Amino acid sequence: MTVIRHEVGPMMSRAVEHNGTVYLAGLTAADASAGIEGQTQQILDHIDQLLALAGTSKSNLLTCMIYVTDIRDRPAMNKVYQAWFDPKNKPTRACVEVNLAGDTRIEIVVTAAK
């Protein structure tokens, strides 16, 4: 059994590969001053980078968990999300309202097949 870890930091790995599955940590925007659309795009771009690093892509997403600080941001977030995901390979998804630190308005966690 092999476990491969990417972007390993002091508290966690941003991505972990195991048994043909890639697990991404909860990702937030690097620039929290951006609005919900900007933060969403930053996160989705990071997801693309991490999935490519692990040898897969958004076409292989299995599930997506989205956390937003204000559920009223959901339509604006969905606009960016829908332009990004592969419409032929939709993952399961949930979107819930939570408290996030600072100006962070969204956090996304995904799992993909390899």
PDB file of N, CA and C in Angstrom:
ATOM      1  N   MET A   1       0.853  -1.165   0.000  1.00  0.00           N
ATOM      2  CA  MET A   1       0.000   0.000   0.000  1.00  0.00           C
ATOM      3  C   MET A   1       0.902   1.233   0.000  1.00  0.00           C
ATOM      4  N   THR A   2       0.690   2.114  -0.993  1.00  0.00           N
ATOM      5  CA  THR A   2       1.484   3.328  -1.103  1.00  0.00           C
ATOM      6  C   THR A   2       0.607   4.540  -0.852  1.00  0.00           C
ATOM      7  N   VAL A   3       1.119   5.467  -0.058  1.00  0.00           N
ATOM      8  CA  VAL A   3       0.453   6.736   0.183  1.00  0.00           C
ATOM      9  C   VAL A   3       1.410   7.825  -0.291  1.00  0.00           C
ATOM     10  N   ILE A   4       0.924   8.714  -1.161  1.00  0.00           N
ATOM     11  CA  ILE A   4       1.732   9.817  -1.672  1.00  0.00           C
ATOM     12  C   ILE A   4       1.100  11.114  -1.193  1.00  0.00           C
ATOM     13  N   ARG A   5       1.921  11.987  -0.629  1.00  0.00           N
ATOM     14  CA  ARG A   5       1.440  13.254  -0.090  1.00  0.00           C
ATOM     15  C   ARG A   5       2.045  14.414  -0.878  1.00  0.00           C
ATOM     16  N   HIS A   6       1.213  15.423  -1.171  1.00  0.00           N
ATOM     17  CA  HIS A   6       1.641  16.609  -1.915  1.00  0.00           C
ATOM     18  C   HIS A   6       1.410  17.858  -1.078  1.00  0.00           C
ATOM     19  N   GLU A   7       2.278  18.851  -1.290  1.00  0.00           N
ATOM     20  CA  GLU A   7       2.201  20.129  -0.579  1.00  0.00           C
ATOM     21  C   GLU A   7       2.042  19.900   0.936  1.00  0.00           C
ATOM     22  N   VAL A   8       3.018  19.214   1.476  1.00  0.00           N
ATOM     23  CA  VAL A   8       3.010  18.868   2.893  1.00  0.00           C
ATOM     24  C   VAL A   8       3.445  20.085   3.709  1.00  0.00           C
ATOM     25  N   GLY A   9       2.616  20.468   4.652  1.00  0.00           N
ATOM     26  CA  GLY A   9       2.917  21.594   5.528  1.00  0.00           C
ATOM     27  C   GLY A   9       3.041  21.135   6.960  1.00  0.00           C
ATOM     28  N   PRO A  10       3.134  22.082   7.879  1.00  0.00           N
ATOM     29  CA  PRO A  10       3.309  21.721   9.286  1.00  0.00           C
ATOM     30  C   PRO A  10       2.082  21.052   9.908  1.00  0.00           C
ATOM     31  N   MET A  11       0.904  21.306   9.356  1.00  0.00           N
ATOM     32  CA  MET A  11      -0.322  20.760   9.951  1.00  0.00           C
ATOM     33  C   MET A  11      -0.996  19.689   9.096  1.00  0.00           C
ATOM     34  N   MET A  12      -0.718  19.693   7.771  1.00  0.00           N
ATOM     35  CA  MET A  12      -1.448  18.779   6.885  1.00  0.00           C
ATOM     36  C   MET A  12      -0.791  18.710   5.524  1.00  0.00           C
ATOM     37  N   SER A  13      -1.283  17.789   4.722  1.00  0.00           N
ATOM     38  CA  SER A  13      -0.938  17.701   3.308  1.00  0.00           C
ATOM     39  C   SER A  13      -2.108  18.282   2.531  1.00  0.00           C
ATOM     40  N   ARG A  14      -1.839  19.016   1.468  1.00  0.00           N
ATOM     41  CA  ARG A  14      -2.925  19.574   0.643  1.00  0.00           C
ATOM     42  C   ARG A  14      -3.595  18.489  -0.187  1.00  0.00           C
ATOM     43  N   ALA A  15      -2.837  17.444  -0.554  1.00  0.00           N
ATOM     44  CA  ALA A  15      -3.402  16.341  -1.334  1.00  0.00           C
ATOM     45  C   ALA A  15      -2.740  15.043  -0.881  1.00  0.00           C
ATOM     46  N   VAL A  16      -3.541  13.984  -0.851  1.00  0.00           N
ATOM     47  CA  VAL A  16      -3.045  12.658  -0.500  1.00  0.00           C
ATOM     48  C   VAL A  16      -3.605  11.663  -1.510  1.00  0.00           C
ATOM     49  N   GLU A  17      -2.707  10.849  -2.059  1.00  0.00           N
ATOM     50  CA  GLU A  17      -3.112   9.794  -2.997  1.00  0.00           C
ATOM     51  C   GLU A  17      -3.032   8.448  -2.290  1.00  0.00           C
ATOM     52  N   HIS A  18      -4.069   7.643  -2.500  1.00  0.00           N
ATOM     53  CA  HIS A  18      -4.066   6.294  -1.940  1.00  0.00           C
ATOM     54  C   HIS A  18      -5.026   5.422  -2.738  1.00  0.00           C
ATOM     55  N   ASN A  19      -4.524   4.287  -3.188  1.00  0.00           N
ATOM     56  CA  ASN A  19      -5.370   3.272  -3.814  1.00  0.00           C
ATOM     57  C   ASN A  19      -6.229   3.838  -4.949  1.00  0.00           C
ATOM     58  N   GLY A  20      -5.636   4.686  -5.797  1.00  0.00           N
ATOM     59  CA  GLY A  20      -6.358   5.211  -6.958  1.00  0.00           C
ATOM     60  C   GLY A  20      -7.313   6.355  -6.669  1.00  0.00           C
ATOM     61  N   THR A  21      -7.245   6.897  -5.452  1.00  0.00           N
ATOM     62  CA  THR A  21      -8.112   8.019  -5.081  1.00  0.00           C
ATOM     63  C   THR A  21      -7.238   9.169  -4.600  1.00  0.00           C
ATOM     64  N   VAL A  22      -7.643  10.394  -4.949  1.00  0.00           N
ATOM     65  CA  VAL A  22      -6.921  11.593  -4.535  1.00  0.00           C
ATOM     66  C   VAL A  22      -7.846  12.402  -3.635  1.00  0.00           C
ATOM     67  N   TYR A  23      -7.374  12.683  -2.438  1.00  0.00           N
ATOM     68  CA  TYR A  23      -8.130  13.430  -1.441  1.00  0.00           C
ATOM     69  C   TYR A  23      -7.492  14.807  -1.291  1.00  0.00           C
ATOM     70  N   LEU A  24      -8.253  15.859  -1.479  1.00  0.00           N
ATOM     71  CA  LEU A  24      -7.742  17.212  -1.279  1.00  0.00           C
ATOM     72  C   LEU A  24      -8.254  17.775   0.030  1.00  0.00           C
ATOM     73  N   ALA A  25      -7.381  18.490   0.713  1.00  0.00           N
ATOM     74  CA  ALA A  25      -7.757  19.165   1.952  1.00  0.00           C
ATOM     75  C   ALA A  25      -8.714  20.300   1.627  1.00  0.00           C
ATOM     76  N   GLY A  26      -9.339  20.844   2.650  1.00  0.00           N
ATOM     77  CA  GLY A  26     -10.162  22.023   2.453  1.00  0.00           C
ATOM     78  C   GLY A  26      -9.291  23.170   1.967  1.00  0.00           C
ATOM     79  N   LEU A  27      -9.640  23.730   0.823  1.00  0.00           N
ATOM     80  CA  LEU A  27      -8.849  24.803   0.231  1.00  0.00           C
ATOM     81  C   LEU A  27      -9.595  26.124   0.353  1.00  0.00           C
ATOM     82  N   THR A  28      -8.838  27.169   0.684  1.00  0.00           N
ATOM     83  CA  THR A  28      -9.380  28.520   0.747  1.00  0.00           C
ATOM     84  C   THR A  28      -8.562  29.396  -0.193  1.00  0.00           C
ATOM     85  N   ALA A  29      -9.065  30.582  -0.473  1.00  0.00           N
ATOM     86  CA  ALA A  29      -8.406  31.498  -1.395  1.00  0.00           C
ATOM     87  C   ALA A  29      -7.150  32.095  -0.771  1.00  0.00           C
ATOM     88  N   ALA A  30      -6.122  32.277  -1.575  1.00  0.00           N
ATOM     89  CA  ALA A  30      -4.898  32.938  -1.111  1.00  0.00           C
ATOM     90  C   ALA A  30      -5.160  34.418  -0.842  1.00  0.00           C
ATOM     91  N   ASP A  31      -6.050  35.013  -1.629  1.00  0.00           N
ATOM     92  CA  ASP A  31      -6.407  36.424  -1.470  1.00  0.00           C
ATOM     93  C   ASP A  31      -7.833  36.509  -0.936  1.00  0.00           C
ATOM     94  N   ALA A  32      -7.951  36.599   0.372  1.00  0.00           N
ATOM     95  CA  ALA A  32      -9.274  36.632   1.013  1.00  0.00           C
ATOM     96  C   ALA A  32      -9.990  37.959   0.815  1.00  0.00           C
ATOM     97  N   SER A  33      -9.300  38.952   0.228  1.00  0.00           N
ATOM     98  CA  SER A  33      -9.973  40.233  -0.019  1.00  0.00           C
ATOM     99  C   SER A  33     -10.870  40.173  -1.257  1.00  0.00           C
ATOM    100  N   ALA A  34     -10.714  39.119  -2.063  1.00  0.00           N
ATOM    101  CA  ALA A  34     -11.568  38.948  -3.239  1.00  0.00           C
ATOM    102  C   ALA A  34     -12.972  38.576  -2.782  1.00  0.00           C
ATOM    103  N   GLY A  35     -13.974  38.923  -3.549  1.00  0.00           N
ATOM    104  CA  GLY A  35     -15.356  38.549  -3.243  1.00  0.00           C
ATOM    105  C   GLY A  35     -15.558  37.059  -3.416  1.00  0.00           C
ATOM    106  N   ILE A  36     -16.766  36.624  -3.280  1.00  0.00           N
ATOM    107  CA  ILE A  36     -17.067  35.193  -3.365  1.00  0.00           C
ATOM    108  C   ILE A  36     -16.677  34.613  -4.721  1.00  0.00           C
ATOM    109  N   GLU A  37     -16.909  35.354  -5.796  1.00  0.00           N
ATOM    110  CA  GLU A  37     -16.547  34.836  -7.115  1.00  0.00           C
ATOM    111  C   GLU A  37     -15.035  34.712  -7.262  1.00  0.00           C
ATOM    112  N   GLY A  38     -14.302  35.736  -6.813  1.00  0.00           N
ATOM    113  CA  GLY A  38     -12.845  35.696  -6.894  1.00  0.00           C
ATOM    114  C   GLY A  38     -12.252  34.608  -6.028  1.00  0.00           C
ATOM    115  N   GLN A  39     -12.774  34.460  -4.806  1.00  0.00           N
ATOM    116  CA  GLN A  39     -12.279  33.406  -3.927  1.00  0.00           C
ATOM    117  C   GLN A  39     -12.578  32.031  -4.518  1.00  0.00           C
ATOM    118  N   THR A  40     -13.777  31.863  -5.066  1.00  0.00           N
ATOM    119  CA  THR A  40     -14.138  30.578  -5.667  1.00  0.00           C
ATOM    120  C   THR A  40     -13.191  30.242  -6.805  1.00  0.00           C
ATOM    121  N   GLN A  41     -12.912  31.202  -7.686  1.00  0.00           N
ATOM    122  CA  GLN A  41     -12.029  30.945  -8.830  1.00  0.00           C
ATOM    123  C   GLN A  41     -10.626  30.585  -8.374  1.00  0.00           C
ATOM    124  N   GLN A  42     -10.119  31.274  -7.364  1.00  0.00           N
ATOM    125  CA  GLN A  42      -8.788  30.954  -6.838  1.00  0.00           C
ATOM    126  C   GLN A  42      -8.724  29.509  -6.347  1.00  0.00           C
ATOM    127  N   ILE A  43      -9.748  29.103  -5.640  1.00  0.00           N
ATOM    128  CA  ILE A  43      -9.782  27.737  -5.100  1.00  0.00           C
ATOM    129  C   ILE A  43      -9.872  26.721  -6.226  1.00  0.00           C
ATOM    130  N   LEU A  44     -10.725  26.959  -7.191  1.00  0.00           N
ATOM    131  CA  LEU A  44     -10.879  26.014  -8.304  1.00  0.00           C
ATOM    132  C   LEU A  44      -9.587  25.900  -9.104  1.00  0.00           C
ATOM    133  N   ASP A  45      -8.874  27.013  -9.285  1.00  0.00           N
ATOM    134  CA  ASP A  45      -7.578  26.964  -9.964  1.00  0.00           C
ATOM    135  C   ASP A  45      -6.589  26.114  -9.162  1.00  0.00           C
ATOM    136  N   HIS A  46      -6.604  26.249  -7.834  1.00  0.00           N
ATOM    137  CA  HIS A  46      -5.715  25.452  -6.985  1.00  0.00           C
ATOM    138  C   HIS A  46      -6.101  23.971  -7.052  1.00  0.00           C
ATOM    139  N   ILE A  47      -7.391  23.695  -7.090  1.00  0.00           N
ATOM    140  CA  ILE A  47      -7.841  22.303  -7.237  1.00  0.00           C
ATOM    141  C   ILE A  47      -7.301  21.721  -8.539  1.00  0.00           C
ATOM    142  N   ASP A  48      -7.414  22.465  -9.642  1.00  0.00           N
ATOM    143  CA  ASP A  48      -6.873  21.994 -10.921  1.00  0.00           C
ATOM    144  C   ASP A  48      -5.386  21.672 -10.801  1.00  0.00           C
ATOM    145  N   GLN A  49      -4.620  22.549 -10.144  1.00  0.00           N
ATOM    146  CA  GLN A  49      -3.176  22.351  -9.992  1.00  0.00           C
ATOM    147  C   GLN A  49      -2.865  21.100  -9.172  1.00  0.00           C
ATOM    148  N   LEU A  50      -3.564  20.939  -8.059  1.00  0.00           N
ATOM    149  CA  LEU A  50      -3.309  19.779  -7.200  1.00  0.00           C
ATOM    150  C   LEU A  50      -3.714  18.475  -7.876  1.00  0.00           C
ATOM    151  N   LEU A  51      -4.834  18.476  -8.564  1.00  0.00           N
ATOM    152  CA  LEU A  51      -5.258  17.266  -9.261  1.00  0.00           C
ATOM    153  C   LEU A  51      -4.267  16.901 -10.360  1.00  0.00           C
ATOM    154  N   ALA A  52      -3.768  17.897 -11.096  1.00  0.00           N
ATOM    155  CA  ALA A  52      -2.764  17.633 -12.131  1.00  0.00           C
ATOM    156  C   ALA A  52      -1.486  17.073 -11.504  1.00  0.00           C
ATOM    157  N   LEU A  53      -1.077  17.626 -10.373  1.00  0.00           N
ATOM    158  CA  LEU A  53       0.102  17.144  -9.657  1.00  0.00           C
ATOM    159  C   LEU A  53      -0.045  15.671  -9.286  1.00  0.00           C
ATOM    160  N   ALA A  54      -1.264  15.271  -8.974  1.00  0.00           N
ATOM    161  CA  ALA A  54      -1.542  13.883  -8.597  1.00  0.00           C
ATOM    162  C   ALA A  54      -1.874  12.999  -9.807  1.00  0.00           C
ATOM    163  N   GLY A  55      -1.857  13.582 -11.006  1.00  0.00           N
ATOM    164  CA  GLY A  55      -2.087  12.781 -12.209  1.00  0.00           C
ATOM    165  C   GLY A  55      -3.543  12.548 -12.547  1.00  0.00           C
ATOM    166  N   THR A  56      -4.410  13.483 -12.173  1.00  0.00           N
ATOM    167  CA  THR A  56      -5.833  13.350 -12.495  1.00  0.00           C
ATOM    168  C   THR A  56      -6.390  14.732 -12.832  1.00  0.00           C
ATOM    169  N   SER A  57      -7.708  14.840 -12.936  1.00  0.00           N
ATOM    170  CA  SER A  57      -8.316  16.118 -13.307  1.00  0.00           C
ATOM    171  C   SER A  57      -9.739  16.215 -12.760  1.00  0.00           C
ATOM    172  N   LYS A  58     -10.338  17.387 -12.956  1.00  0.00           N
ATOM    173  CA  LYS A  58     -11.711  17.610 -12.482  1.00  0.00           C
ATOM    174  C   LYS A  58     -12.714  16.687 -13.161  1.00  0.00           C
ATOM    175  N   SER A  59     -12.364  16.106 -14.306  1.00  0.00           N
ATOM    176  CA  SER A  59     -13.255  15.151 -14.967  1.00  0.00           C
ATOM    177  C   SER A  59     -13.411  13.875 -14.159  1.00  0.00           C
ATOM    178  N   ASN A  60     -12.499  13.662 -13.201  1.00  0.00           N
ATOM    179  CA  ASN A  60     -12.543  12.466 -12.357  1.00  0.00           C
ATOM    180  C   ASN A  60     -13.007  12.760 -10.935  1.00  0.00           C
ATOM    181  N   LEU A  61     -13.592  13.939 -10.720  1.00  0.00           N
ATOM    182  CA  LEU A  61     -14.096  14.251  -9.380  1.00  0.00           C
ATOM    183  C   LEU A  61     -15.171  13.263  -8.973  1.00  0.00           C
ATOM    184  N   LEU A  62     -15.118  12.844  -7.728  1.00  0.00           N
ATOM    185  CA  LEU A  62     -16.130  11.961  -7.163  1.00  0.00           C
ATOM    186  C   LEU A  62     -17.115  12.749  -6.307  1.00  0.00           C
ATOM    187  N   THR A  63     -16.566  13.625  -5.471  1.00  0.00           N
ATOM    188  CA  THR A  63     -17.418  14.387  -4.565  1.00  0.00           C
ATOM    189  C   THR A  63     -16.810  15.766  -4.310  1.00  0.00           C
ATOM    190  N   CYS A  64     -17.678  16.717  -3.991  1.00  0.00           N
ATOM    191  CA  CYS A  64     -17.265  18.090  -3.730  1.00  0.00           C
ATOM    192  C   CYS A  64     -18.094  18.617  -2.564  1.00  0.00           C
ATOM    193  N   MET A  65     -17.399  19.105  -1.550  1.00  0.00           N
ATOM    194  CA  MET A  65     -18.064  19.690  -0.377  1.00  0.00           C
ATOM    195  C   MET A  65     -17.690  21.160  -0.332  1.00  0.00           C
ATOM    196  N   ILE A  66     -18.700  22.028  -0.343  1.00  0.00           N
ATOM    197  CA  ILE A  66     -18.476  23.467  -0.369  1.00  0.00           C
ATOM    198  C   ILE A  66     -19.031  24.079   0.912  1.00  0.00           C
ATOM    199  N   TYR A  67     -18.186  24.878   1.569  1.00  0.00           N
ATOM    200  CA  TYR A  67     -18.576  25.580   2.781  1.00  0.00           C
ATOM    201  C   TYR A  67     -18.559  27.076   2.475  1.00  0.00           C
ATOM    202  N   VAL A  68     -19.657  27.773   2.724  1.00  0.00           N
ATOM    203  CA  VAL A  68     -19.730  29.220   2.508  1.00  0.00           C
ATOM    204  C   VAL A  68     -20.144  29.901   3.807  1.00  0.00           C
ATOM    205  N   THR A  69     -19.672  31.134   3.995  1.00  0.00           N
ATOM    206  CA  THR A  69     -20.014  31.857   5.217  1.00  0.00           C
ATOM    207  C   THR A  69     -21.405  32.480   5.142  1.00  0.00           C
ATOM    208  N   ASP A  70     -21.909  32.660   3.924  1.00  0.00           N
ATOM    209  CA  ASP A  70     -23.237  33.242   3.738  1.00  0.00           C
ATOM    210  C   ASP A  70     -23.918  32.500   2.601  1.00  0.00           C
ATOM    211  N   ILE A  71     -24.940  31.735   2.899  1.00  0.00           N
ATOM    212  CA  ILE A  71     -25.617  30.910   1.892  1.00  0.00           C
ATOM    213  C   ILE A  71     -26.204  31.764   0.773  1.00  0.00           C
ATOM    214  N   ARG A  72     -26.388  33.064   1.040  1.00  0.00           N
ATOM    215  CA  ARG A  72     -26.873  33.952  -0.019  1.00  0.00           C
ATOM    216  C   ARG A  72     -25.824  34.171  -1.108  1.00  0.00           C
ATOM    217  N   ASP A  73     -24.566  33.787  -0.840  1.00  0.00           N
ATOM    218  CA  ASP A  73     -23.507  33.844  -1.846  1.00  0.00           C
ATOM    219  C   ASP A  73     -23.564  32.666  -2.808  1.00  0.00           C
ATOM    220  N   ARG A  74     -24.418  31.722  -2.534  1.00  0.00           N
ATOM    221  CA  ARG A  74     -24.464  30.493  -3.337  1.00  0.00           C
ATOM    222  C   ARG A  74     -24.688  30.759  -4.825  1.00  0.00           C
ATOM    223  N   PRO A  75     -25.627  31.617  -5.242  1.00  0.00           N
ATOM    224  CA  PRO A  75     -25.804  31.844  -6.685  1.00  0.00           C
ATOM    225  C   PRO A  75     -24.542  32.391  -7.372  1.00  0.00           C
ATOM    226  N   ALA A  76     -23.846  33.334  -6.735  1.00  0.00           N
ATOM    227  CA  ALA A  76     -22.618  33.884  -7.321  1.00  0.00           C
ATOM    228  C   ALA A  76     -21.520  32.822  -7.361  1.00  0.00           C
ATOM    229  N   MET A  77     -21.415  32.015  -6.306  1.00  0.00           N
ATOM    230  CA  MET A  77     -20.436  30.934  -6.273  1.00  0.00           C
ATOM    231  C   MET A  77     -20.771  29.906  -7.351  1.00  0.00           C
ATOM    232  N   ASN A  78     -22.048  29.560  -7.476  1.00  0.00           N
ATOM    233  CA  ASN A  78     -22.466  28.574  -8.476  1.00  0.00           C
ATOM    234  C   ASN A  78     -22.144  29.014  -9.897  1.00  0.00           C
ATOM    235  N   LYS A  79     -22.216  30.307 -10.158  1.00  0.00           N
ATOM    236  CA  LYS A  79     -21.896  30.832 -11.491  1.00  0.00           C
ATOM    237  C   LYS A  79     -20.458  30.467 -11.866  1.00  0.00           C
ATOM    238  N   VAL A  80     -19.538  30.660 -10.948  1.00  0.00           N
ATOM    239  CA  VAL A  80     -18.134  30.333 -11.193  1.00  0.00           C
ATOM    240  C   VAL A  80     -17.947  28.816 -11.239  1.00  0.00           C
ATOM    241  N   TYR A  81     -18.546  28.115 -10.300  1.00  0.00           N
ATOM    242  CA  TYR A  81     -18.418  26.655 -10.217  1.00  0.00           C
ATOM    243  C   TYR A  81     -18.944  25.985 -11.479  1.00  0.00           C
ATOM    244  N   GLN A  82     -20.104  26.420 -11.957  1.00  0.00           N
ATOM    245  CA  GLN A  82     -20.708  25.796 -13.139  1.00  0.00           C
ATOM    246  C   GLN A  82     -19.885  26.032 -14.395  1.00  0.00           C
ATOM    247  N   ALA A  83     -19.201  27.157 -14.482  1.00  0.00           N
ATOM    248  CA  ALA A  83     -18.330  27.426 -15.630  1.00  0.00           C
ATOM    249  C   ALA A  83     -17.068  26.567 -15.574  1.00  0.00           C
ATOM    250  N   TRP A  84     -16.733  26.059 -14.377  1.00  0.00           N
ATOM    251  CA  TRP A  84     -15.502  25.301 -14.180  1.00  0.00           C
ATOM    252  C   TRP A  84     -15.669  23.792 -14.320  1.00  0.00           C
ATOM    253  N   PHE A  85     -16.672  23.206 -13.687  1.00  0.00           N
ATOM    254  CA  PHE A  85     -16.727  21.739 -13.632  1.00  0.00           C
ATOM    255  C   PHE A  85     -17.075  21.139 -14.991  1.00  0.00           C
ATOM    256  N   ASP A  86     -16.714  19.872 -15.159  1.00  0.00           N
ATOM    257  CA  ASP A  86     -16.970  19.133 -16.395  1.00  0.00           C
ATOM    258  C   ASP A  86     -18.432  18.689 -16.402  1.00  0.00           C
ATOM    259  N   PRO A  87     -19.275  19.276 -17.269  1.00  0.00           N
ATOM    260  CA  PRO A  87     -20.704  18.945 -17.248  1.00  0.00           C
ATOM    261  C   PRO A  87     -21.019  17.495 -17.603  1.00  0.00           C
ATOM    262  N   LYS A  88     -20.070  16.799 -18.214  1.00  0.00           N
ATOM    263  CA  LYS A  88     -20.283  15.388 -18.553  1.00  0.00           C
ATOM    264  C   LYS A  88     -19.914  14.460 -17.401  1.00  0.00           C
ATOM    265  N   ASN A  89     -19.242  15.016 -16.391  1.00  0.00           N
ATOM    266  CA  ASN A  89     -18.759  14.204 -15.270  1.00  0.00           C
ATOM    267  C   ASN A  89     -18.997  14.931 -13.952  1.00  0.00           C
ATOM    268  N   LYS A  90     -20.244  15.104 -13.615  1.00  0.00           N
ATOM    269  CA  LYS A  90     -20.603  15.849 -12.400  1.00  0.00           C
ATOM    270  C   LYS A  90     -20.367  15.004 -11.152  1.00  0.00           C
ATOM    271  N   PRO A  91     -19.674  15.586 -10.167  1.00  0.00           N
ATOM    272  CA  PRO A  91     -19.476  14.870  -8.899  1.00  0.00           C
ATOM    273  C   PRO A  91     -20.721  15.011  -8.019  1.00  0.00           C
ATOM    274  N   THR A  92     -20.746  14.245  -6.950  1.00  0.00           N
ATOM    275  CA  THR A  92     -21.746  14.531  -5.922  1.00  0.00           C
ATOM    276  C   THR A  92     -21.324  15.842  -5.273  1.00  0.00           C
ATOM    277  N   ARG A  93     -22.275  16.544  -4.660  1.00  0.00           N
ATOM    278  CA  ARG A  93     -21.919  17.845  -4.097  1.00  0.00           C
ATOM    279  C   ARG A  93     -22.866  18.223  -2.970  1.00  0.00           C
ATOM    280  N   ALA A  94     -22.316  18.948  -2.005  1.00  0.00           N
ATOM    281  CA  ALA A  94     -23.121  19.570  -0.959  1.00  0.00           C
ATOM    282  C   ALA A  94     -22.566  20.969  -0.753  1.00  0.00           C
ATOM    283  N   CYS A  95     -23.435  21.876  -0.326  1.00  0.00           N
ATOM    284  CA  CYS A  95     -23.023  23.245  -0.026  1.00  0.00           C
ATOM    285  C   CYS A  95     -23.717  23.650   1.262  1.00  0.00           C
ATOM    286  N   VAL A  96     -22.922  24.019   2.264  1.00  0.00           N
ATOM    287  CA  VAL A  96     -23.482  24.368   3.562  1.00  0.00           C
ATOM    288  C   VAL A  96     -22.911  25.691   4.062  1.00  0.00           C
ATOM    289  N   GLU A  97     -23.676  26.352   4.902  1.00  0.00           N
ATOM    290  CA  GLU A  97     -23.244  27.599   5.517  1.00  0.00           C
ATOM    291  C   GLU A  97     -22.519  27.301   6.824  1.00  0.00           C
ATOM    292  N   VAL A  98     -21.347  27.937   6.984  1.00  0.00           N
ATOM    293  CA  VAL A  98     -20.522  27.727   8.181  1.00  0.00           C
ATOM    294  C   VAL A  98     -19.843  29.033   8.572  1.00  0.00           C
ATOM    295  N   ASN A  99     -19.217  29.043   9.737  1.00  0.00           N
ATOM    296  CA  ASN A  99     -18.349  30.153  10.131  1.00  0.00           C
ATOM    297  C   ASN A  99     -16.931  29.810   9.697  1.00  0.00           C
ATOM    298  N   LEU A 100     -16.294  30.720   8.953  1.00  0.00           N
ATOM    299  CA  LEU A 100     -14.906  30.544   8.541  1.00  0.00           C
ATOM    300  C   LEU A 100     -14.095  31.710   9.096  1.00  0.00           C
ATOM    301  N   ALA A 101     -12.815  31.525   9.241  1.00  0.00           N
ATOM    302  CA  ALA A 101     -11.950  32.539   9.857  1.00  0.00           C
ATOM    303  C   ALA A 101     -11.739  33.755   8.961  1.00  0.00           C
ATOM    304  N   GLY A 102     -11.619  34.905   9.580  1.00  0.00           N
ATOM    305  CA  GLY A 102     -11.267  36.137   8.873  1.00  0.00           C
ATOM    306  C   GLY A 102     -12.219  36.481   7.748  1.00  0.00           C
ATOM    307  N   ASP A 103     -11.638  36.901   6.622  1.00  0.00           N
ATOM    308  CA  ASP A 103     -12.431  37.284   5.453  1.00  0.00           C
ATOM    309  C   ASP A 103     -12.693  36.121   4.509  1.00  0.00           C
ATOM    310  N   THR A 104     -12.312  34.926   4.915  1.00  0.00           N
ATOM    311  CA  THR A 104     -12.558  33.747   4.090  1.00  0.00           C
ATOM    312  C   THR A 104     -14.054  33.543   3.942  1.00  0.00           C
ATOM    313  N   ARG A 105     -14.523  33.473   2.689  1.00  0.00           N
ATOM    314  CA  ARG A 105     -15.954  33.327   2.432  1.00  0.00           C
ATOM    315  C   ARG A 105     -16.329  31.941   1.940  1.00  0.00           C
ATOM    316  N   ILE A 106     -15.315  31.153   1.540  1.00  0.00           N
ATOM    317  CA  ILE A 106     -15.600  29.834   0.977  1.00  0.00           C
ATOM    318  C   ILE A 106     -14.408  28.893   1.185  1.00  0.00           C
ATOM    319  N   GLU A 107     -14.725  27.633   1.410  1.00  0.00           N
ATOM    320  CA  GLU A 107     -13.724  26.564   1.497  1.00  0.00           C
ATOM    321  C   GLU A 107     -14.286  25.375   0.727  1.00  0.00           C
ATOM    322  N   ILE A 108     -13.445  24.721  -0.051  1.00  0.00           N
ATOM    323  CA  ILE A 108     -13.903  23.598  -0.878  1.00  0.00           C
ATOM    324  C   ILE A 108     -13.016  22.386  -0.628  1.00  0.00           C
ATOM    325  N   VAL A 109     -13.647  21.223  -0.483  1.00  0.00           N
ATOM    326  CA  VAL A 109     -12.964  19.937  -0.315  1.00  0.00           C
ATOM    327  C   VAL A 109     -13.430  19.028  -1.440  1.00  0.00           C
ATOM    328  N   VAL A 110     -12.491  18.372  -2.142  1.00  0.00           N
ATOM    329  CA  VAL A 110     -12.879  17.444  -3.190  1.00  0.00           C
ATOM    330  C   VAL A 110     -12.118  16.128  -3.055  1.00  0.00           C
ATOM    331  N   THR A 111     -12.704  15.095  -3.639  1.00  0.00           N
ATOM    332  CA  THR A 111     -12.073  13.790  -3.769  1.00  0.00           C
ATOM    333  C   THR A 111     -12.222  13.381  -5.226  1.00  0.00           C
ATOM    334  N   ALA A 112     -11.150  12.822  -5.806  1.00  0.00           N
ATOM    335  CA  ALA A 112     -11.174  12.440  -7.214  1.00  0.00           C
ATOM    336  C   ALA A 112     -10.586  11.049  -7.389  1.00  0.00           C
ATOM    337  N   ALA A 113     -11.027  10.374  -8.438  1.00  0.00           N
ATOM    338  CA  ALA A 113     -10.420   9.112  -8.847  1.00  0.00           C
ATOM    339  C   ALA A 113      -9.167   9.436  -9.651  1.00  0.00           C
ATOM    340  N   LYS A 114      -8.252   8.515  -9.646  1.00  0.00           N
ATOM    341  CA  LYS A 114      -7.011   8.714 -10.408  1.00  0.00           C
ATOM    342  C   LYS A 114      -7.048   7.918 -11.687  1.00  0.00           C
TER     343      LYS A 114
END
